């Protein structure tokens, strides 16, 4: 179901269903709202099970304060209405209680989005706020003040976090990205702490003319959509980040655009590149990079560029991820290459680092790249890498990992062809 095609009331319902299903809030916690062109606010109800909401449970609040619906609106209505009244660019608000964000709120600390481009582009500078009683006018004024100061991502002391955006799809994506930022920072802390980037590198713009191209290989598009949705459900890509690119037999490259929600994506959203032209004006920040990889590595037919939380812990901490954990990890990942953040200014260096015997690259403060002879292999590497990274981080709280030794690695290499 594409959230953009729904009524404002239906968007609020679907947004809460997704927030709850993705474990970003609890049965009784969190609230979501949106405002329509007439100034009517649609908001989730107070004290109603978030896991069983229907569209009839969503409450409508008119500009004069009149409430329409069978329930009371969320007690946090004051800060929702204050933000809409003073920040006309904000059309949707998500307030929820994801555990990692709540952890920051309880420490009364603000996560720093500048550790990686994807977080900063989505969230901007995140602001903090003072504690006040939930549902109080005082809390409404505090949160509104942070929005008035320009923030669209606000941490709430001993409470949670609130984000606002120009539409519901973007608001959902921002809150989700905030959760991934917090989780990645916790993972990095377990590995010695996140490292700052001295100077941001602008990604090389792959600006190709838009042309009327044929649909191309529909079977590739169908398979891509299936794996994009699967990767999203596995927390391997997000609503605003994660690129899958696939090379067709005719040399065409198929890829998804930035900020297209996986849950709303269809085959029509897959972009085709052919003979120096693209089928859509939508942008993909990493297309120049994936094209360079395909040019340099003829064996690769599929590429994932993504930022799952555990691997991003290694990337933010600038630590090498050693895949010699269990045979299955090493067979699939081989020797994972770590590159410094400066490699983002040299796509040739990244492309040269990827080979059939080194099919995974982690770039400090940026992303992970996996390649494969088909989509399944590239996906499997993405999944195995993040699962393995989780295991290493878990072990850190008890002891150090004892990797497979060199003789055991040679035995695996002599027996299995991981490519």
Protein backbone atom coordinates (compact mmCIF):
# COMPACT_ATOMS: atom_id res chain seq x y z
CA UNK A 1 0.00 0.00 0.00
CA UNK A 2 1.48 3.36 -1.07
CA UNK A 3 1.09 5.83 1.77
CA UNK A 4 1.25 8.81 -0.61
CA UNK A 5 -2.03 7.78 -2.28
CA UNK A 6 -4.06 7.65 0.95
CA UNK A 7 -6.18 10.30 2.63
CA UNK A 8 -4.51 12.20 5.48
CA UNK A 9 -6.54 10.22 8.00
CA UNK A 10 -5.52 6.92 6.42
CA UNK A 11 -1.89 8.02 6.34
CA UNK A 12 -1.91 8.55 10.11
CA UNK A 13 -3.34 5.07 10.63
CA UNK A 14 -0.86 3.37 8.32
CA UNK A 15 2.05 5.31 9.84
CA UNK A 16 1.20 4.14 13.34
CA UNK A 17 0.75 0.57 12.11
CA UNK A 18 4.24 0.69 10.61
CA UNK A 19 5.83 2.32 13.66
CA UNK A 20 4.32 -0.33 15.91
CA UNK A 21 5.12 -3.23 13.57
CA UNK A 22 8.75 -2.08 13.36
CA UNK A 23 9.05 -2.04 17.18
CA UNK A 24 9.56 1.72 17.34
CA UNK A 25 6.89 2.17 20.00
CA UNK A 26 4.68 0.21 22.39
CA UNK A 27 0.99 -0.56 22.66
CA UNK A 28 0.27 2.56 24.70
CA UNK A 29 3.18 4.77 23.65
CA UNK A 30 3.78 7.29 20.90
CA UNK A 31 1.52 9.45 18.78
CA UNK A 32 1.38 10.43 15.14
CA UNK A 33 -0.45 13.22 13.37
CA UNK A 34 -0.80 15.02 10.06
CA UNK A 35 -2.52 18.21 8.96
CA UNK A 36 -4.55 18.69 5.79
CA UNK A 37 -4.91 21.72 3.52
CA UNK A 38 -7.90 22.96 5.55
CA UNK A 39 -5.94 23.01 8.80
CA UNK A 40 -7.64 19.89 10.17
CA UNK A 41 -5.32 17.79 12.33
CA UNK A 42 -5.68 14.01 12.27
CA UNK A 43 -4.06 12.35 15.26
CA UNK A 44 -3.89 8.95 16.95
CA UNK A 45 -6.19 8.53 19.97
CA UNK A 46 -5.30 8.49 23.64
CA UNK A 47 -5.06 5.15 25.51
CA UNK A 48 -6.12 2.97 22.57
CA UNK A 49 -4.15 -0.15 21.58
CA UNK A 50 -1.68 0.83 18.86
CA UNK A 51 -1.63 -2.74 17.60
CA UNK A 52 -5.31 -2.84 16.64
CA UNK A 53 -6.17 0.67 15.43
CA UNK A 54 -8.64 1.16 12.61
CA UNK A 55 -9.26 4.25 10.54
CA UNK A 56 -12.34 5.00 12.67
CA UNK A 57 -10.06 5.33 15.72
CA UNK A 58 -8.14 8.27 14.24
CA UNK A 59 -9.32 11.58 15.72
CA UNK A 60 -9.93 14.76 13.73
CA UNK A 61 -9.32 18.15 15.37
CA UNK A 62 -10.70 21.25 13.65
CA UNK A 63 -8.89 24.63 13.68
CA UNK A 64 -11.25 25.90 16.40
CA UNK A 65 -10.40 22.92 18.63
CA UNK A 66 -13.55 20.91 17.95
CA UNK A 67 -12.85 17.18 18.23
CA UNK A 68 -14.50 14.75 15.83
CA UNK A 69 -14.25 11.05 16.60
CA UNK A 70 -15.17 8.38 19.11
CA UNK A 71 -12.00 8.80 21.22
CA UNK A 72 -10.05 11.54 22.89
CA UNK A 73 -7.08 12.77 20.86
CA UNK A 74 -3.60 11.91 22.07
CA UNK A 75 -2.70 13.84 25.21
CA UNK A 76 0.31 15.17 23.27
CA UNK A 77 -1.98 17.15 20.98
CA UNK A 78 -0.63 20.47 22.42
CA UNK A 79 2.83 20.10 20.93
CA UNK A 80 1.49 18.73 17.63
CA UNK A 81 -0.91 21.65 17.20
CA UNK A 82 1.71 24.19 18.32
CA UNK A 83 4.17 22.95 15.71
CA UNK A 84 1.60 23.04 12.91
CA UNK A 85 0.55 26.55 13.94
CA UNK A 86 4.07 27.96 13.89
CA UNK A 87 5.96 25.83 11.33
CA UNK A 88 4.00 25.78 8.09
CA UNK A 89 6.49 23.49 6.34
CA UNK A 90 5.70 20.68 8.78
CA UNK A 91 2.74 18.58 7.64
CA UNK A 92 3.35 15.35 9.57
CA UNK A 93 4.75 14.56 13.03
CA UNK A 94 5.96 11.27 14.51
CA UNK A 95 6.58 10.94 18.24
CA UNK A 96 7.57 7.47 19.41
CA UNK A 97 9.60 5.52 21.94
CA UNK A 98 12.18 3.44 20.05
CA UNK A 99 14.45 1.88 22.72
CA UNK A 100 17.70 3.36 21.36
CA UNK A 101 16.20 6.85 21.14
CA UNK A 102 14.69 6.52 24.62
CA UNK A 103 18.12 5.51 25.91
CA UNK A 104 19.55 8.80 24.68
CA UNK A 105 16.57 10.68 26.10
CA UNK A 106 17.07 9.07 29.51
CA UNK A 107 20.76 10.01 29.46
CA UNK A 108 19.65 13.52 28.46
CA UNK A 109 22.10 13.38 25.59
CA UNK A 110 21.57 14.33 21.95
CA UNK A 111 22.86 11.91 19.28
CA UNK A 112 25.18 13.62 16.81
CA UNK A 113 24.00 13.19 13.23
CA UNK A 114 27.26 14.46 11.75
CA UNK A 115 29.06 11.11 12.13
CA UNK A 116 27.74 9.97 8.73
CA UNK A 117 26.30 11.69 5.68
CA UNK A 118 23.09 9.65 5.61
CA UNK A 119 22.13 10.69 9.16
CA UNK A 120 22.99 14.35 8.69
CA UNK A 121 21.19 14.64 5.35
CA UNK A 122 18.03 13.16 6.86
CA UNK A 123 17.95 14.64 10.36
CA UNK A 124 19.99 17.82 10.19
CA UNK A 125 21.16 19.05 13.57
CA UNK A 126 19.23 17.25 16.28
CA UNK A 127 18.22 19.37 19.26
CA UNK A 128 17.55 18.49 22.87
CA UNK A 129 14.77 19.70 25.16
CA UNK A 130 13.87 19.86 28.82
CA UNK A 131 11.61 17.44 30.66
CA UNK A 132 8.00 18.41 31.26
CA UNK A 133 4.87 16.45 32.14
CA UNK A 134 3.57 14.49 29.09
CA UNK A 135 0.51 16.16 27.62
CA UNK A 136 1.17 19.47 29.38
CA UNK A 137 1.09 22.88 27.72
CA UNK A 138 4.60 23.40 29.08
CA UNK A 139 5.90 20.41 27.12
CA UNK A 140 4.05 21.68 24.05
CA UNK A 141 5.82 25.03 24.33
CA UNK A 142 9.25 23.41 24.87
CA UNK A 143 9.02 21.17 21.81
CA UNK A 144 7.53 23.96 19.69
CA UNK A 145 10.45 26.18 20.70
CA UNK A 146 12.96 23.70 19.29
CA UNK A 147 11.02 23.52 16.03
CA UNK A 148 10.83 27.31 15.88
CA UNK A 149 14.61 27.40 16.26
CA UNK A 150 14.86 25.34 13.07
CA UNK A 151 15.19 21.76 14.29
CA UNK A 152 12.99 19.08 12.79
CA UNK A 153 14.38 16.30 15.02
CA UNK A 154 13.99 16.82 18.76
CA UNK A 155 15.08 14.63 21.65
CA UNK A 156 12.81 14.90 24.68
CA UNK A 157 14.51 14.42 28.07
CA UNK A 158 13.30 11.26 29.85
CA UNK A 159 10.61 10.83 27.24
CA UNK A 160 11.48 9.96 23.63
CA UNK A 161 11.93 11.81 20.35
CA UNK A 162 9.81 13.78 17.90
CA UNK A 163 10.40 14.46 14.21
CA UNK A 164 8.47 16.56 11.73
CA UNK A 165 8.52 16.66 7.93
CA UNK A 166 6.74 17.92 4.85
CA UNK A 167 4.79 14.68 4.44
CA UNK A 168 4.10 11.46 6.31
CA UNK A 169 6.47 9.29 4.31
CA UNK A 170 9.37 11.62 5.13
CA UNK A 171 8.39 11.90 8.80
CA UNK A 172 8.34 8.11 9.14
CA UNK A 173 11.70 7.83 7.40
CA UNK A 174 13.26 10.50 9.62
CA UNK A 175 12.17 8.80 12.83
CA UNK A 176 13.42 5.46 11.56
CA UNK A 177 16.78 7.02 10.61
CA UNK A 178 17.03 8.57 14.07
CA UNK A 179 16.60 5.12 15.58
CA UNK A 180 19.34 3.70 13.33
CA UNK A 181 21.66 6.57 14.25
CA UNK A 182 21.20 5.91 17.96
CA UNK A 183 21.71 2.17 17.54
CA UNK A 184 24.80 2.63 15.39
CA UNK A 185 26.33 4.99 17.95
CA UNK A 186 25.75 2.45 20.73
CA UNK A 187 27.41 -0.24 18.60
CA UNK A 188 30.34 2.08 17.89
CA UNK A 189 30.69 2.76 21.61
CA UNK A 190 31.11 -0.98 22.22
CA UNK A 191 33.94 -0.92 19.68
CA UNK A 192 35.78 2.04 21.18
CA UNK A 193 33.59 4.98 20.22
CA UNK A 194 32.53 6.80 17.05
CA UNK A 195 35.11 8.90 15.21
CA UNK A 196 34.39 12.29 13.67
CA UNK A 197 34.82 13.16 10.01
CA UNK A 198 37.14 16.13 9.53
CA UNK A 199 35.84 17.23 6.13
CA UNK A 200 32.71 15.99 4.39
CA UNK A 201 33.13 14.77 0.81
CA UNK A 202 30.39 15.61 -1.67
CA UNK A 203 29.45 12.53 -3.67
CA UNK A 204 30.32 12.77 -7.35
CA UNK A 205 27.11 13.64 -9.17
CA UNK A 206 26.08 11.05 -11.76
CA UNK A 207 23.87 13.37 -13.78
CA UNK A 208 22.60 11.63 -16.92
CA UNK A 209 19.89 12.92 -19.27
CA UNK A 210 16.39 11.60 -18.71
CA UNK A 211 14.92 9.82 -21.70
CA UNK A 212 11.94 7.69 -22.68
CA UNK A 213 13.44 4.24 -22.19
CA UNK A 214 11.61 0.97 -22.56
CA UNK A 215 10.71 -0.88 -19.38
CA UNK A 216 13.60 -3.29 -19.88
CA UNK A 217 13.76 -6.64 -18.12
CA UNK A 218 10.65 -6.89 -15.95
CA UNK A 219 11.92 -10.04 -14.25
CA UNK A 220 14.92 -8.10 -12.90
CA UNK A 221 12.66 -5.36 -11.56
CA UNK A 222 10.35 -7.88 -9.91
CA UNK A 223 13.26 -9.67 -8.24
CA UNK A 224 14.75 -6.36 -7.10
CA UNK A 225 11.53 -5.26 -5.44
CA UNK A 226 11.24 -8.59 -3.63
CA UNK A 227 14.78 -8.31 -2.25
CA UNK A 228 14.47 -4.62 -1.37
CA UNK A 229 11.37 -5.38 0.70
CA UNK A 230 13.09 -8.40 2.24
CA UNK A 231 16.16 -6.34 3.14
CA UNK A 232 13.95 -3.68 4.70
CA UNK A 233 12.11 -6.21 6.85
CA UNK A 234 15.49 -7.56 7.96
CA UNK A 235 16.67 -4.07 9.02
CA UNK A 236 19.38 -4.17 6.34
CA UNK A 237 18.14 -1.10 4.46
CA UNK A 238 15.96 1.77 5.60
CA UNK A 239 13.25 4.02 4.22
CA UNK A 240 15.81 6.64 3.20
CA UNK A 241 18.93 4.62 2.58
CA UNK A 242 20.02 1.44 0.89
CA UNK A 243 20.75 1.05 -2.84
CA UNK A 244 20.36 -2.11 -4.88
CA UNK A 245 21.79 -2.02 -8.40
CA UNK A 246 21.59 -4.87 -10.91
CA UNK A 247 23.24 -5.23 -14.31
CA UNK A 248 21.17 -6.78 -17.08
CA UNK A 249 22.49 -8.98 -19.88
CA UNK A 250 22.28 -6.04 -22.29
CA UNK A 251 24.44 -3.82 -20.07
CA UNK A 252 21.52 -1.85 -18.63
CA UNK A 253 21.74 -1.00 -14.94
CA UNK A 254 18.60 -1.08 -12.79
CA UNK A 255 18.54 0.72 -9.43
CA UNK A 256 16.24 2.24 -6.82
CA UNK A 257 16.11 5.95 -6.03
CA UNK A 258 16.93 7.57 -2.69
CA UNK A 259 14.05 8.16 -0.28
CA UNK A 260 11.63 5.75 -1.96
CA UNK A 261 10.09 3.85 0.95
CA UNK A 262 10.58 0.09 0.42
CA UNK A 263 7.12 -0.59 1.83
CA UNK A 264 5.57 1.60 -0.89
CA UNK A 265 7.83 0.57 -3.76
CA UNK A 266 6.69 -1.14 -6.94
CA UNK A 267 8.40 -2.18 -10.17
CA UNK A 268 7.52 1.22 -11.66
CA UNK A 269 9.88 2.82 -9.13
CA UNK A 270 12.95 0.96 -10.41
CA UNK A 271 15.06 3.22 -12.63
CA UNK A 272 16.81 1.95 -15.74
CA UNK A 273 20.15 3.27 -17.04
CA UNK A 274 20.98 2.50 -20.66
CA UNK A 275 23.43 4.04 -23.15
CA UNK A 276 24.17 7.09 -21.03
CA UNK A 277 20.52 7.87 -20.25
CA UNK A 278 18.19 7.20 -17.31
CA UNK A 279 14.47 6.57 -17.26
CA UNK A 280 13.66 8.91 -14.35
CA UNK A 281 14.73 12.23 -12.86
CA UNK A 282 14.78 10.68 -9.38
CA UNK A 283 18.24 10.65 -7.83
CA UNK A 284 20.43 7.91 -6.38
CA UNK A 285 23.44 9.31 -4.52
CA UNK A 286 25.47 6.14 -5.09
CA UNK A 287 24.72 5.54 -8.77
CA UNK A 288 28.08 6.94 -9.90
CA UNK A 289 29.79 4.56 -7.50
CA UNK A 290 27.85 1.45 -8.53
CA UNK A 291 28.39 2.23 -12.21
CA UNK A 292 32.13 2.47 -11.57
CA UNK A 293 32.08 -0.90 -9.76
CA UNK A 294 30.21 -2.55 -12.62
CA UNK A 295 32.68 -1.05 -15.12
CA UNK A 296 35.66 -2.44 -13.18
CA UNK A 297 34.22 -5.80 -12.10
CA UNK A 298 32.56 -7.74 -14.93
CA UNK A 299 31.86 -10.70 -12.59
CA UNK A 300 29.51 -8.57 -10.45
CA UNK A 301 25.86 -8.58 -11.48
CA UNK A 302 24.37 -7.08 -8.29
CA UNK A 303 25.51 -4.50 -5.74
CA UNK A 304 24.09 -3.44 -2.40
CA UNK A 305 25.21 -0.17 -0.82
CA UNK A 306 23.72 0.14 2.66
CA UNK A 307 24.12 1.16 6.29
CA UNK A 308 22.73 -1.53 8.64
CA UNK A 309 23.21 -0.62 12.29
CA UNK A 310 25.77 -3.20 13.44
CA UNK A 311 28.09 -2.78 10.48
CA UNK A 312 27.72 0.99 10.83
CA UNK A 313 28.99 0.55 14.38
CA UNK A 314 32.27 -0.65 12.84
CA UNK A 315 32.18 2.11 10.22
CA UNK A 316 31.61 4.87 12.78
CA UNK A 317 34.26 3.45 15.12
CA UNK A 318 36.69 3.17 12.16
CA UNK A 319 37.36 -0.46 13.08
CA UNK A 320 38.12 -3.37 10.77
CA UNK A 321 35.43 -6.06 10.67
CA UNK A 322 37.02 -9.53 10.65
CA UNK A 323 34.71 -12.14 9.11
CA UNK A 324 36.75 -15.10 10.39
CA UNK A 325 34.11 -15.92 12.99
CA UNK A 326 32.44 -19.12 11.83
CA UNK A 327 32.99 -20.97 8.53
CA UNK A 328 29.70 -19.70 7.11
CA UNK A 329 30.70 -16.06 7.71
CA UNK A 330 34.12 -16.42 6.15
CA UNK A 331 32.90 -18.49 3.19
CA UNK A 332 30.38 -15.80 2.28
CA UNK A 333 32.36 -12.66 3.13
CA UNK A 334 36.02 -13.68 2.79
CA UNK A 335 38.42 -10.88 3.74
CA UNK A 336 36.30 -7.79 4.31
CA UNK A 337 38.14 -4.67 3.17
CA UNK A 338 38.07 -1.55 5.30
CA UNK A 339 38.60 1.76 3.50
CA UNK A 340 39.03 5.22 5.04
CA UNK A 341 36.33 7.83 4.57
CA UNK A 342 38.57 9.67 2.08
CA UNK A 343 37.91 6.84 -0.40
CA UNK A 344 34.53 8.47 -1.05
CA UNK A 345 36.46 11.01 -3.10
CA UNK A 346 38.00 8.26 -5.25
CA UNK A 347 35.48 5.78 -6.67
CA UNK A 348 38.29 4.01 -8.56
CA UNK A 349 39.87 3.04 -5.23
CA UNK A 350 36.59 1.59 -3.99
CA UNK A 351 35.92 -0.30 -7.22
CA UNK A 352 39.46 -1.73 -7.26
CA UNK A 353 39.03 -3.01 -3.68
CA UNK A 354 36.11 -5.26 -4.69
CA UNK A 355 37.03 -8.62 -6.18
CA UNK A 356 35.63 -12.15 -6.22
CA UNK A 357 37.92 -12.95 -3.27
CA UNK A 358 37.08 -9.72 -1.44
CA UNK A 359 33.40 -9.06 -2.18
CA UNK A 360 32.65 -6.79 0.79
CA UNK A 361 33.93 -3.30 1.57
CA UNK A 362 33.18 -1.21 4.66
CA UNK A 363 33.94 2.50 4.30
CA UNK A 364 34.55 4.49 7.48
CA UNK A 365 31.63 6.80 8.39
CA UNK A 366 29.78 6.00 5.18
CA UNK A 367 28.47 2.57 4.21
CA UNK A 368 28.97 -1.09 3.41
CA UNK A 369 29.13 -2.43 -0.15
CA UNK A 370 28.49 -6.05 -1.12
CA UNK A 371 28.72 -7.50 -4.62
CA UNK A 372 27.56 -10.81 -6.04
CA UNK A 373 27.10 -12.84 -9.19
CA UNK A 374 23.37 -12.36 -8.66
CA UNK A 375 21.03 -10.51 -6.29
CA UNK A 376 20.80 -13.45 -3.88
CA UNK A 377 24.58 -13.53 -3.36
CA UNK A 378 24.86 -9.77 -2.82
CA UNK A 379 21.91 -9.92 -0.41
CA UNK A 380 23.30 -12.92 1.44
CA UNK A 381 26.57 -11.06 2.00
CA UNK A 382 24.70 -8.01 3.28
CA UNK A 383 22.72 -10.17 5.70
CA UNK A 384 25.64 -12.31 6.87
CA UNK A 385 27.85 -9.25 7.40
CA UNK A 386 25.39 -7.45 9.65
CA UNK A 387 24.40 -10.60 11.55
CA UNK A 388 28.06 -11.40 12.12
CA UNK A 389 28.77 -7.83 13.22
CA UNK A 390 25.97 -8.15 15.78
CA UNK A 391 27.63 -11.28 17.16
CA UNK A 392 30.96 -9.51 17.58
CA UNK A 393 29.33 -6.57 19.37
CA UNK A 394 27.41 -8.91 21.69
CA UNK A 395 30.62 -10.79 22.52
CA UNK A 396 32.34 -7.50 23.44
CA UNK A 397 30.34 -7.36 26.67
CA UNK A 398 31.85 -10.68 27.78
CA UNK A 399 35.17 -11.28 26.07
CA UNK A 400 37.10 -10.89 22.82
CA UNK A 401 36.30 -12.96 19.73
CA UNK A 402 38.68 -15.82 18.97
CA UNK A 403 38.82 -15.87 15.17
CA UNK A 404 39.44 -18.90 12.99
CA UNK A 405 43.21 -19.28 12.62
CA UNK A 406 45.22 -19.11 9.39
CA UNK A 407 45.39 -22.89 8.90
CA UNK A 408 41.62 -23.16 9.29
CA UNK A 409 41.12 -20.25 6.88
CA UNK A 410 43.33 -21.98 4.29
CA UNK A 411 41.35 -25.20 4.71
CA UNK A 412 38.11 -23.29 4.03
CA UNK A 413 39.64 -21.54 1.00
CA UNK A 414 40.83 -24.86 -0.41
CA UNK A 415 37.40 -26.43 0.02
CA UNK A 416 34.86 -23.70 -0.75
CA UNK A 417 34.47 -21.11 -3.50
CA UNK A 418 32.51 -18.37 -1.77
CA UNK A 419 31.87 -16.36 -4.94
